[in-house]
Protein backbone atom coordinates (compact mmCIF):
# COMPACT_ATOMS: atom_id res chain seq x y z
CA MET A 1 0.00 0.00 0.00
CA LYS A 2 1.12 3.50 -0.62
CA GLN A 3 1.56 5.98 2.17
CA LEU A 4 -1.85 6.94 3.50
CA LYS A 5 -3.18 10.34 2.56
CA PRO A 6 -4.15 11.85 5.92
CA PHE A 7 -7.52 13.48 6.42
CA HIS A 8 -7.12 17.16 7.28
CA GLY A 9 -9.51 16.84 10.23
CA LEU A 10 -7.30 14.33 12.07
CA PRO A 11 -5.25 16.86 14.09
CA GLU A 12 -8.41 18.59 15.30
CA LEU A 13 -10.00 15.26 16.32
CA LEU A 14 -6.87 14.46 18.33
CA ALA A 15 -6.56 17.94 19.84
CA HIS A 16 -10.18 17.98 21.00
CA GLY A 17 -9.99 14.49 22.50
CA ARG A 18 -12.41 12.95 20.00
CA MET A 19 -9.85 10.28 19.08
CA ASN A 20 -7.29 8.38 21.12
CA LEU A 21 -4.92 6.53 18.79
CA GLY A 22 -3.33 4.67 21.68
CA ALA A 23 -6.60 3.31 23.06
CA ASN A 24 -9.24 3.23 20.30
CA ASP A 25 -9.54 0.51 17.65
CA LEU A 26 -8.66 1.40 14.07
CA TYR A 27 -10.47 -0.31 11.19
CA ILE A 28 -10.09 -0.40 7.42
CA LEU A 29 -13.14 -0.20 5.21
CA LEU A 30 -13.27 -0.45 1.42
CA ALA A 31 -14.87 2.23 -0.76
CA THR A 32 -15.64 2.85 -4.40
CA LYS A 33 -15.35 6.66 -4.49
CA GLU A 34 -12.48 8.87 -3.38
CA PRO A 35 -12.92 10.47 0.01
CA SER A 36 -12.28 14.20 0.37
CA GLN A 37 -9.09 14.79 2.31
CA ALA A 38 -10.19 18.34 3.07
CA THR A 39 -13.83 17.94 4.12
CA ASP A 40 -14.49 14.34 5.24
CA VAL A 41 -14.00 14.01 9.01
CA TYR A 42 -16.19 11.08 10.13
CA ARG A 43 -17.09 7.69 8.69
CA GLU A 44 -20.60 8.87 7.85
CA ASP A 45 -19.06 11.54 5.56
CA LEU A 46 -17.59 8.86 3.29
CA PRO A 47 -19.02 8.28 -0.17
CA ASP A 48 -19.90 4.72 -1.08
CA GLU A 49 -18.50 2.14 1.30
CA LEU A 50 -18.88 -1.30 -0.26
CA PRO A 51 -22.17 -3.00 0.54
CA THR A 52 -22.17 -6.00 2.85
CA GLY A 53 -21.87 -9.31 1.02
CA GLY A 54 -19.44 -11.77 -0.49
CA GLY A 55 -17.54 -11.87 2.79
CA TYR A 56 -17.35 -8.08 3.25
CA VAL A 57 -18.95 -6.74 6.43
CA ALA A 58 -20.03 -3.13 6.94
CA GLY A 59 -17.28 -1.17 8.64
CA GLY A 60 -14.50 -3.41 7.38
CA LEU A 61 -11.92 -5.18 9.51
CA PRO A 62 -9.60 -4.16 12.38
CA VAL A 63 -6.02 -2.94 12.07
CA GLU A 64 -3.54 -4.57 14.43
CA THR A 65 -1.66 -1.73 16.12
CA THR A 66 1.96 -2.78 16.65
CA ARG A 67 3.56 0.37 18.09
CA SER A 68 2.52 3.78 19.38
CA LYS A 69 5.27 6.13 20.47
CA GLN A 70 6.39 9.75 20.68
CA VAL A 71 10.06 10.59 20.38
CA GLY A 72 11.60 14.03 19.92
CA GLY A 73 8.30 15.73 19.20
CA ILE A 74 7.15 13.21 16.58
CA TYR A 75 4.28 10.81 17.28
CA GLN A 76 4.17 7.59 15.25
CA LEU A 77 1.62 4.79 15.09
CA ASP A 78 2.47 1.55 13.31
CA GLY A 79 0.23 -1.37 12.49
CA THR A 80 -0.62 -4.19 10.15
CA GLY A 81 -3.67 -4.30 7.94
CA PRO A 82 -6.31 -7.02 7.79
CA THR A 83 -6.89 -9.64 5.11
CA PHE A 84 -10.20 -9.48 3.27
CA THR A 85 -11.43 -12.84 1.89
CA ALA A 86 -14.34 -13.21 -0.53
CA LYS A 87 -16.77 -15.93 0.61
CA GLY A 88 -19.98 -16.86 -1.15
CA GLY A 89 -19.50 -14.17 -3.79
CA GLN A 90 -17.14 -11.41 -4.74
CA ILE A 91 -15.90 -8.40 -2.82
CA GLY A 92 -15.84 -5.26 -4.90
CA PRO A 93 -15.05 -3.64 -7.05
CA PHE A 94 -13.39 -1.11 -4.75
CA ARG A 95 -10.57 1.37 -5.23
CA PHE A 96 -9.96 2.95 -1.82
CA ALA A 97 -8.97 1.57 1.60
CA VAL A 98 -9.90 3.93 4.42
CA VAL A 99 -8.46 3.81 7.95
CA TYR A 100 -10.79 5.15 10.61
CA ASN A 101 -11.27 5.08 14.37
CA GLN A 102 -14.10 2.70 15.20
CA THR A 103 -14.78 4.59 18.43
CA GLY A 104 -16.45 7.76 17.23
CA GLY A 105 -15.83 7.16 13.52
CA GLY A 106 -13.05 9.73 13.04
CA LEU A 107 -11.13 9.33 9.78
CA VAL A 108 -7.35 8.81 9.80
CA GLY A 109 -6.25 8.37 6.18
CA PHE A 110 -6.85 6.52 2.94
CA ALA A 111 -5.00 4.81 0.12
CA ASP A 112 -5.87 4.83 -3.57
CA TYR A 113 -5.20 1.61 -5.52
CA GLN A 114 -5.34 3.64 -8.78
CA GLU A 115 -7.77 1.12 -10.33
CA ASP A 116 -10.74 -0.98 -9.34
CA VAL A 117 -9.98 -4.17 -7.40
CA THR A 118 -12.35 -7.13 -7.27
CA LEU A 119 -11.83 -10.24 -5.16
CA ALA A 120 -13.48 -13.31 -6.72
CA ASP A 121 -15.07 -15.90 -4.45
CA GLY A 122 -12.24 -17.55 -2.51
CA ASP A 123 -9.66 -14.81 -3.24
CA SER A 124 -7.92 -12.94 -0.41
CA MET A 125 -6.13 -9.61 -0.22
CA ARG A 126 -4.12 -8.26 2.69
CA ILE A 127 -4.27 -4.49 3.05
CA GLU A 128 -0.60 -3.62 3.40
CA LEU A 129 0.02 -0.56 5.55
CA THR A 130 3.06 1.62 5.10
CA ASN A 131 4.37 2.39 8.56
CA PRO A 132 3.96 4.67 10.23
CA ILE A 133 0.20 4.80 9.72
CA VAL A 134 0.23 8.15 11.52
CA ASN A 135 3.25 10.44 11.69
CA LEU A 136 2.54 13.72 13.49
CA ARG A 137 5.03 16.39 14.40
CA LEU A 138 4.12 17.92 17.73
CA MET A 139 4.99 21.59 17.90
């Protein structure tokens, strides 16, 4: 996966205590239309998450957080993405993988696969995350 494009609302969500990256669960959902980096803040703002079916569940799957640390004024969060497996039908097509905070629905970032991806029945795809998922300079 390419480096996530961060949502512009992320720093405000963190500053106002609406998201706790060290304690809340992050999830990845799959979408067909590009989110707006500038104006989308919460999951409900997203255009066109994939419908449930073929093994895809609404809201996607959890990210496994592997490290959360702050050193020298830079906060970093690392993790590994889930594997989506099509069962009883296909998953997709989708083009975007969106990382969000399941507690409160705040958006973190998204990746663009540059083309539609479809998983046929029985196919699997791991969402590879480029670490850090979040890299914030604290001023």
